[in-house]
Amino acid sequence: SNLNIHLLVHSNEKHFKCSVCNKPFSRKSTLNTHLLVHSNEKHFKCSVCDKSFSHKSTLNTHLLVHSKGKHFK
């Protein structure tokens, strides 16, 4: 069930291992997200500069570089 899958997050058990770097994960979905790090796929492009990222969260963090100091006047 979904609850049993969710409970794995709170345990120390990590049954899913990255085949590239052997990093362990408790959820298969997290492993799949991690695998993007090892690929050259970068689907998230910055609209301000030419940089691209594997993860949307990394792009969002990067975008702060362009807006730094613009929130406060």
PDB file of N, CA and C in Angstrom:
ATOM      1  N   SER A   1       0.831  -1.193   0.000  1.00  0.00           N
ATOM      2  CA  SER A   1       0.000   0.000   0.000  1.00  0.00           C
ATOM      3  C   SER A   1       0.871   1.251   0.000  1.00  0.00           C
ATOM      4  N   ASN A   2       0.256   2.374  -0.253  1.00  0.00           N
ATOM      5  CA  ASN A   2       0.995   3.634  -0.262  1.00  0.00           C
ATOM      6  C   ASN A   2       1.578   3.969   1.099  1.00  0.00           C
ATOM      7  N   LEU A   3       0.866   3.599   2.159  1.00  0.00           N
ATOM      8  CA  LEU A   3       1.374   3.871   3.505  1.00  0.00           C
ATOM      9  C   LEU A   3       2.656   3.094   3.753  1.00  0.00           C
ATOM     10  N   ASN A   4       2.683   1.833   3.366  1.00  0.00           N
ATOM     11  CA  ASN A   4       3.891   1.022   3.554  1.00  0.00           C
ATOM     12  C   ASN A   4       5.066   1.590   2.770  1.00  0.00           C
ATOM     13  N   ILE A   5       4.808   2.061   1.582  1.00  0.00           N
ATOM     14  CA  ILE A   5       5.862   2.676   0.774  1.00  0.00           C
ATOM     15  C   ILE A   5       6.346   3.951   1.451  1.00  0.00           C
ATOM     16  N   HIS A   6       5.406   4.739   1.947  1.00  0.00           N
ATOM     17  CA  HIS A   6       5.774   5.985   2.624  1.00  0.00           C
ATOM     18  C   HIS A   6       6.589   5.717   3.885  1.00  0.00           C
ATOM     19  N   LEU A   7       6.240   4.697   4.630  1.00  0.00           N
ATOM     20  CA  LEU A   7       6.942   4.395   5.879  1.00  0.00           C
ATOM     21  C   LEU A   7       8.416   4.083   5.652  1.00  0.00           C
ATOM     22  N   LEU A   8       8.774   3.620   4.469  1.00  0.00           N
ATOM     23  CA  LEU A   8      10.180   3.356   4.155  1.00  0.00           C
ATOM     24  C   LEU A   8      11.025   4.621   4.246  1.00  0.00           C
ATOM     25  N   VAL A   9      10.416   5.758   3.983  1.00  0.00           N
ATOM     26  CA  VAL A   9      11.129   7.033   4.049  1.00  0.00           C
ATOM     27  C   VAL A   9      11.647   7.274   5.462  1.00  0.00           C
ATOM     28  N   HIS A  10      10.888   6.831   6.453  1.00  0.00           N
ATOM     29  CA  HIS A  10      11.232   7.072   7.851  1.00  0.00           C
ATOM     30  C   HIS A  10      12.138   5.994   8.441  1.00  0.00           C
ATOM     31  N   SER A  11      12.395   4.967   7.694  1.00  0.00           N
ATOM     32  CA  SER A  11      13.282   3.907   8.184  1.00  0.00           C
ATOM     33  C   SER A  11      14.690   4.137   7.651  1.00  0.00           C
ATOM     34  N   ASN A  12      15.610   3.387   8.171  1.00  0.00           N
ATOM     35  CA  ASN A  12      16.991   3.475   7.684  1.00  0.00           C
ATOM     36  C   ASN A  12      17.244   2.518   6.529  1.00  0.00           C
ATOM     37  N   GLU A  13      16.206   1.785   6.134  1.00  0.00           N
ATOM     38  CA  GLU A  13      16.356   0.812   5.061  1.00  0.00           C
ATOM     39  C   GLU A  13      16.380   1.517   3.706  1.00  0.00           C
ATOM     40  N   LYS A  14      17.390   1.191   2.938  1.00  0.00           N
ATOM     41  CA  LYS A  14      17.526   1.780   1.610  1.00  0.00           C
ATOM     42  C   LYS A  14      17.792   0.657   0.619  1.00  0.00           C
ATOM     43  N   HIS A  15      16.718   0.205   0.000  1.00  0.00           N
ATOM     44  CA  HIS A  15      16.774  -0.972  -0.868  1.00  0.00           C
ATOM     45  C   HIS A  15      17.141  -0.659  -2.313  1.00  0.00           C
ATOM     46  N   PHE A  16      17.168   0.603  -2.675  1.00  0.00           N
ATOM     47  CA  PHE A  16      17.423   0.978  -4.066  1.00  0.00           C
ATOM     48  C   PHE A  16      18.776   1.665  -4.172  1.00  0.00           C
ATOM     49  N   LYS A  17      19.661   1.082  -4.973  1.00  0.00           N
ATOM     50  CA  LYS A  17      21.017   1.606  -5.114  1.00  0.00           C
ATOM     51  C   LYS A  17      21.271   2.098  -6.523  1.00  0.00           C
ATOM     52  N   CYS A  18      21.951   3.219  -6.596  1.00  0.00           N
ATOM     53  CA  CYS A  18      22.336   3.771  -7.889  1.00  0.00           C
ATOM     54  C   CYS A  18      23.372   2.852  -8.529  1.00  0.00           C
ATOM     55  N   SER A  19      23.148   2.500  -9.772  1.00  0.00           N
ATOM     56  CA  SER A  19      24.071   1.603 -10.474  1.00  0.00           C
ATOM     57  C   SER A  19      25.355   2.311 -10.897  1.00  0.00           C
ATOM     58  N   VAL A  20      25.375   3.630 -10.809  1.00  0.00           N
ATOM     59  CA  VAL A  20      26.554   4.394 -11.214  1.00  0.00           C
ATOM     60  C   VAL A  20      27.464   4.689 -10.028  1.00  0.00           C
ATOM     61  N   CYS A  21      26.887   5.189  -8.932  1.00  0.00           N
ATOM     62  CA  CYS A  21      27.719   5.609  -7.792  1.00  0.00           C
ATOM     63  C   CYS A  21      27.443   4.829  -6.507  1.00  0.00           C
ATOM     64  N   ASN A  22      26.510   3.897  -6.550  1.00  0.00           N
ATOM     65  CA  ASN A  22      26.147   3.052  -5.406  1.00  0.00           C
ATOM     66  C   ASN A  22      25.479   3.788  -4.252  1.00  0.00           C
ATOM     67  N   LYS A  23      25.050   5.009  -4.454  1.00  0.00           N
ATOM     68  CA  LYS A  23      24.341   5.742  -3.407  1.00  0.00           C
ATOM     69  C   LYS A  23      22.996   5.059  -3.164  1.00  0.00           C
ATOM     70  N   PRO A  24      22.657   4.780  -1.903  1.00  0.00           N
ATOM     71  CA  PRO A  24      21.405   4.081  -1.603  1.00  0.00           C
ATOM     72  C   PRO A  24      20.227   5.039  -1.391  1.00  0.00           C
ATOM     73  N   PHE A  25      19.031   4.564  -1.714  1.00  0.00           N
ATOM     74  CA  PHE A  25      17.806   5.342  -1.557  1.00  0.00           C
ATOM     75  C   PHE A  25      16.704   4.466  -0.989  1.00  0.00           C
ATOM     76  N   SER A  26      15.806   5.077  -0.245  1.00  0.00           N
ATOM     77  CA  SER A  26      14.698   4.326   0.339  1.00  0.00           C
ATOM     78  C   SER A  26      13.527   4.203  -0.634  1.00  0.00           C
ATOM     79  N   ARG A  27      13.476   5.074  -1.644  1.00  0.00           N
ATOM     80  CA  ARG A  27      12.384   5.039  -2.610  1.00  0.00           C
ATOM     81  C   ARG A  27      12.933   4.973  -4.033  1.00  0.00           C
ATOM     82  N   LYS A  28      12.251   4.198  -4.856  1.00  0.00           N
ATOM     83  CA  LYS A  28      12.670   4.063  -6.248  1.00  0.00           C
ATOM     84  C   LYS A  28      12.528   5.390  -6.992  1.00  0.00           C
ATOM     85  N   SER A  29      11.505   6.147  -6.663  1.00  0.00           N
ATOM     86  CA  SER A  29      11.299   7.430  -7.342  1.00  0.00           C
ATOM     87  C   SER A  29      12.439   8.402  -7.049  1.00  0.00           C
ATOM     88  N   THR A  30      12.964   8.354  -5.839  1.00  0.00           N
ATOM     89  CA  THR A  30      14.090   9.216  -5.484  1.00  0.00           C
ATOM     90  C   THR A  30      15.343   8.777  -6.233  1.00  0.00           C
ATOM     91  N   LEU A  31      15.522   7.484  -6.363  1.00  0.00           N
ATOM     92  CA  LEU A  31      16.640   6.963  -7.151  1.00  0.00           C
ATOM     93  C   LEU A  31      16.530   7.437  -8.600  1.00  0.00           C
ATOM     94  N   ASN A  32      15.338   7.348  -9.166  1.00  0.00           N
ATOM     95  CA  ASN A  32      15.149   7.767 -10.558  1.00  0.00           C
ATOM     96  C   ASN A  32      15.461   9.248 -10.747  1.00  0.00           C
ATOM     97  N   THR A  33      15.077  10.062  -9.785  1.00  0.00           N
ATOM     98  CA  THR A  33      15.403  11.489  -9.845  1.00  0.00           C
ATOM     99  C   THR A  33      16.906  11.683  -9.752  1.00  0.00           C
ATOM    100  N   HIS A  34      17.546  10.943  -8.863  1.00  0.00           N
ATOM    101  CA  HIS A  34      18.997  11.029  -8.686  1.00  0.00           C
ATOM    102  C   HIS A  34      19.741  10.654  -9.967  1.00  0.00           C
ATOM    103  N   LEU A  35      19.249   9.688 -10.693  1.00  0.00           N
ATOM    104  CA  LEU A  35      19.935   9.218 -11.901  1.00  0.00           C
ATOM    105  C   LEU A  35      20.128  10.323 -12.935  1.00  0.00           C
ATOM    106  N   LEU A  36      19.302  11.344 -12.883  1.00  0.00           N
ATOM    107  CA  LEU A  36      19.467  12.476 -13.802  1.00  0.00           C
ATOM    108  C   LEU A  36      20.811  13.163 -13.611  1.00  0.00           C
ATOM    109  N   VAL A  37      21.358  13.087 -12.414  1.00  0.00           N
ATOM    110  CA  VAL A  37      22.658  13.695 -12.125  1.00  0.00           C
ATOM    111  C   VAL A  37      23.738  13.080 -13.006  1.00  0.00           C
ATOM    112  N   HIS A  38      23.613  11.802 -13.285  1.00  0.00           N
ATOM    113  CA  HIS A  38      24.624  11.081 -14.054  1.00  0.00           C
ATOM    114  C   HIS A  38      24.408  11.173 -15.567  1.00  0.00           C
ATOM    115  N   SER A  39      23.276  11.690 -15.972  1.00  0.00           N
ATOM    116  CA  SER A  39      23.013  11.808 -17.411  1.00  0.00           C
ATOM    117  C   SER A  39      23.377  13.211 -17.880  1.00  0.00           C
ATOM    118  N   ASN A  40      23.394  13.392 -19.148  1.00  0.00           N
ATOM    119  CA  ASN A  40      23.652  14.717 -19.708  1.00  0.00           C
ATOM    120  C   ASN A  40      22.355  15.453 -20.016  1.00  0.00           C
ATOM    121  N   GLU A  41      21.231  14.865 -19.575  1.00  0.00           N
ATOM    122  CA  GLU A  41      19.934  15.479 -19.831  1.00  0.00           C
ATOM    123  C   GLU A  41      19.719  16.653 -18.885  1.00  0.00           C
ATOM    124  N   LYS A  42      19.510  17.812 -19.455  1.00  0.00           N
ATOM    125  CA  LYS A  42      19.261  19.017 -18.666  1.00  0.00           C
ATOM    126  C   LYS A  42      18.082  19.748 -19.299  1.00  0.00           C
ATOM    127  N   HIS A  43      16.902  19.405 -18.825  1.00  0.00           N
ATOM    128  CA  HIS A  43      15.670  19.912 -19.421  1.00  0.00           C
ATOM    129  C   HIS A  43      15.231  21.267 -18.866  1.00  0.00           C
ATOM    130  N   PHE A  44      15.861  21.719 -17.785  1.00  0.00           N
ATOM    131  CA  PHE A  44      15.435  22.957 -17.139  1.00  0.00           C
ATOM    132  C   PHE A  44      16.427  24.069 -17.458  1.00  0.00           C
ATOM    133  N   LYS A  45      16.006  24.983 -18.333  1.00  0.00           N
ATOM    134  CA  LYS A  45      16.902  26.028 -18.832  1.00  0.00           C
ATOM    135  C   LYS A  45      16.582  27.372 -18.187  1.00  0.00           C
ATOM    136  N   CYS A  46      17.628  28.075 -17.847  1.00  0.00           N
ATOM    137  CA  CYS A  46      17.501  29.411 -17.283  1.00  0.00           C
ATOM    138  C   CYS A  46      17.071  30.372 -18.394  1.00  0.00           C
ATOM    139  N   SER A  47      16.069  31.191 -18.115  1.00  0.00           N
ATOM    140  CA  SER A  47      15.582  32.150 -19.112  1.00  0.00           C
ATOM    141  C   SER A  47      16.429  33.422 -19.154  1.00  0.00           C
ATOM    142  N   VAL A  48      17.361  33.556 -18.207  1.00  0.00           N
ATOM    143  CA  VAL A  48      18.196  34.752 -18.139  1.00  0.00           C
ATOM    144  C   VAL A  48      19.565  34.516 -18.771  1.00  0.00           C
ATOM    145  N   CYS A  49      20.144  33.355 -18.518  1.00  0.00           N
ATOM    146  CA  CYS A  49      21.462  33.048 -19.080  1.00  0.00           C
ATOM    147  C   CYS A  49      21.408  31.699 -19.803  1.00  0.00           C
ATOM    148  N   ASP A  50      22.526  31.178 -20.202  1.00  0.00           N
ATOM    149  CA  ASP A  50      22.554  29.948 -21.003  1.00  0.00           C
ATOM    150  C   ASP A  50      22.656  28.664 -20.191  1.00  0.00           C
ATOM    151  N   LYS A  51      22.578  28.747 -18.877  1.00  0.00           N
ATOM    152  CA  LYS A  51      22.764  27.542 -18.064  1.00  0.00           C
ATOM    153  C   LYS A  51      21.528  26.649 -18.101  1.00  0.00           C
ATOM    154  N   SER A  52      21.780  25.325 -17.996  1.00  0.00           N
ATOM    155  CA  SER A  52      20.717  24.328 -17.949  1.00  0.00           C
ATOM    156  C   SER A  52      20.967  23.401 -16.774  1.00  0.00           C
ATOM    157  N   PHE A  53      19.884  22.792 -16.286  1.00  0.00           N
ATOM    158  CA  PHE A  53      19.974  21.971 -15.086  1.00  0.00           C
ATOM    159  C   PHE A  53      19.163  20.690 -15.228  1.00  0.00           C
ATOM    160  N   SER A  54      19.579  19.669 -14.492  1.00  0.00           N
ATOM    161  CA  SER A  54      18.896  18.380 -14.503  1.00  0.00           C
ATOM    162  C   SER A  54      17.625  18.409 -13.665  1.00  0.00           C
ATOM    163  N   HIS A  55      17.618  19.238 -12.627  1.00  0.00           N
ATOM    164  CA  HIS A  55      16.494  19.291 -11.701  1.00  0.00           C
ATOM    165  C   HIS A  55      15.895  20.696 -11.653  1.00  0.00           C
ATOM    166  N   LYS A  56      14.588  20.762 -11.568  1.00  0.00           N
ATOM    167  CA  LYS A  56      13.902  22.053 -11.489  1.00  0.00           C
ATOM    168  C   LYS A  56      14.300  22.801 -10.222  1.00  0.00           C
ATOM    169  N   SER A  57      14.477  22.079  -9.135  1.00  0.00           N
ATOM    170  CA  SER A  57      14.848  22.727  -7.873  1.00  0.00           C
ATOM    171  C   SER A  57      16.209  23.415  -7.980  1.00  0.00           C
ATOM    172  N   THR A  58      17.127  22.831  -8.733  1.00  0.00           N
ATOM    173  CA  THR A  58      18.442  23.442  -8.926  1.00  0.00           C
ATOM    174  C   THR A  58      18.319  24.710  -9.769  1.00  0.00           C
ATOM    175  N   LEU A  59      17.473  24.671 -10.774  1.00  0.00           N
ATOM    176  CA  LEU A  59      17.213  25.869 -11.575  1.00  0.00           C
ATOM    177  C   LEU A  59      16.628  26.970 -10.696  1.00  0.00           C
ATOM    178  N   ASN A  60      15.663  26.617  -9.860  1.00  0.00           N
ATOM    179  CA  ASN A  60      15.039  27.616  -8.990  1.00  0.00           C
ATOM    180  C   ASN A  60      16.062  28.258  -8.060  1.00  0.00           C
ATOM    181  N   THR A  61      16.973  27.462  -7.529  1.00  0.00           N
ATOM    182  CA  THR A  61      18.036  27.999  -6.676  1.00  0.00           C
ATOM    183  C   THR A  61      18.945  28.909  -7.494  1.00  0.00           C
ATOM    184  N   HIS A  62      19.286  28.487  -8.696  1.00  0.00           N
ATOM    185  CA  HIS A  62      20.132  29.283  -9.584  1.00  0.00           C
ATOM    186  C   HIS A  62      19.489  30.637  -9.902  1.00  0.00           C
ATOM    187  N   LEU A  63      18.192  30.657 -10.115  1.00  0.00           N
ATOM    188  CA  LEU A  63      17.501  31.895 -10.479  1.00  0.00           C
ATOM    189  C   LEU A  63      17.659  32.980  -9.416  1.00  0.00           C
ATOM    190  N   LEU A  64      17.920  32.586  -8.184  1.00  0.00           N
ATOM    191  CA  LEU A  64      18.147  33.562  -7.116  1.00  0.00           C
ATOM    192  C   LEU A  64      19.373  34.423  -7.404  1.00  0.00           C
ATOM    193  N   VAL A  65      20.344  33.864  -8.124  1.00  0.00           N
ATOM    194  CA  VAL A  65      21.553  34.611  -8.485  1.00  0.00           C
ATOM    195  C   VAL A  65      21.174  35.844  -9.305  1.00  0.00           C
ATOM    196  N   HIS A  66      20.209  35.677 -10.185  1.00  0.00           N
ATOM    197  CA  HIS A  66      19.808  36.772 -11.063  1.00  0.00           C
ATOM    198  C   HIS A  66      18.932  37.805 -10.353  1.00  0.00           C
ATOM    199  N   SER A  67      18.265  37.399  -9.290  1.00  0.00           N
ATOM    200  CA  SER A  67      17.359  38.323  -8.608  1.00  0.00           C
ATOM    201  C   SER A  67      17.944  38.869  -7.311  1.00  0.00           C
ATOM    202  N   LYS A  68      19.148  38.464  -6.965  1.00  0.00           N
ATOM    203  CA  LYS A  68      19.757  38.886  -5.703  1.00  0.00           C
ATOM    204  C   LYS A  68      19.822  40.412  -5.631  1.00  0.00           C
ATOM    205  N   GLY A  69      19.298  40.940  -4.540  1.00  0.00           N
ATOM    206  CA  GLY A  69      19.323  42.373  -4.324  1.00  0.00           C
ATOM    207  C   GLY A  69      18.175  43.125  -4.977  1.00  0.00           C
ATOM    208  N   LYS A  70      17.367  42.460  -5.781  1.00  0.00           N
ATOM    209  CA  LYS A  70      16.273  43.138  -6.472  1.00  0.00           C
ATOM    210  C   LYS A  70      14.979  43.134  -5.658  1.00  0.00           C
ATOM    211  N   HIS A  71      14.945  42.314  -4.573  1.00  0.00           N
ATOM    212  CA  HIS A  71      13.734  42.237  -3.761  1.00  0.00           C
ATOM    213  C   HIS A  71      13.640  43.397  -2.781  1.00  0.00           C
ATOM    214  N   PHE A  72      14.770  44.027  -2.476  1.00  0.00           N
ATOM    215  CA  PHE A  72      14.792  45.076  -1.465  1.00  0.00           C
ATOM    216  C   PHE A  72      15.182  46.397  -2.109  1.00  0.00           C
ATOM    217  N   LYS A  73      14.394  47.428  -1.874  1.00  0.00           N
ATOM    218  CA  LYS A  73      14.695  48.746  -2.455  1.00  0.00           C
ATOM    219  C   LYS A  73      14.855  49.776  -1.358  1.00  0.00           C
TER     220      LYS A  73
END
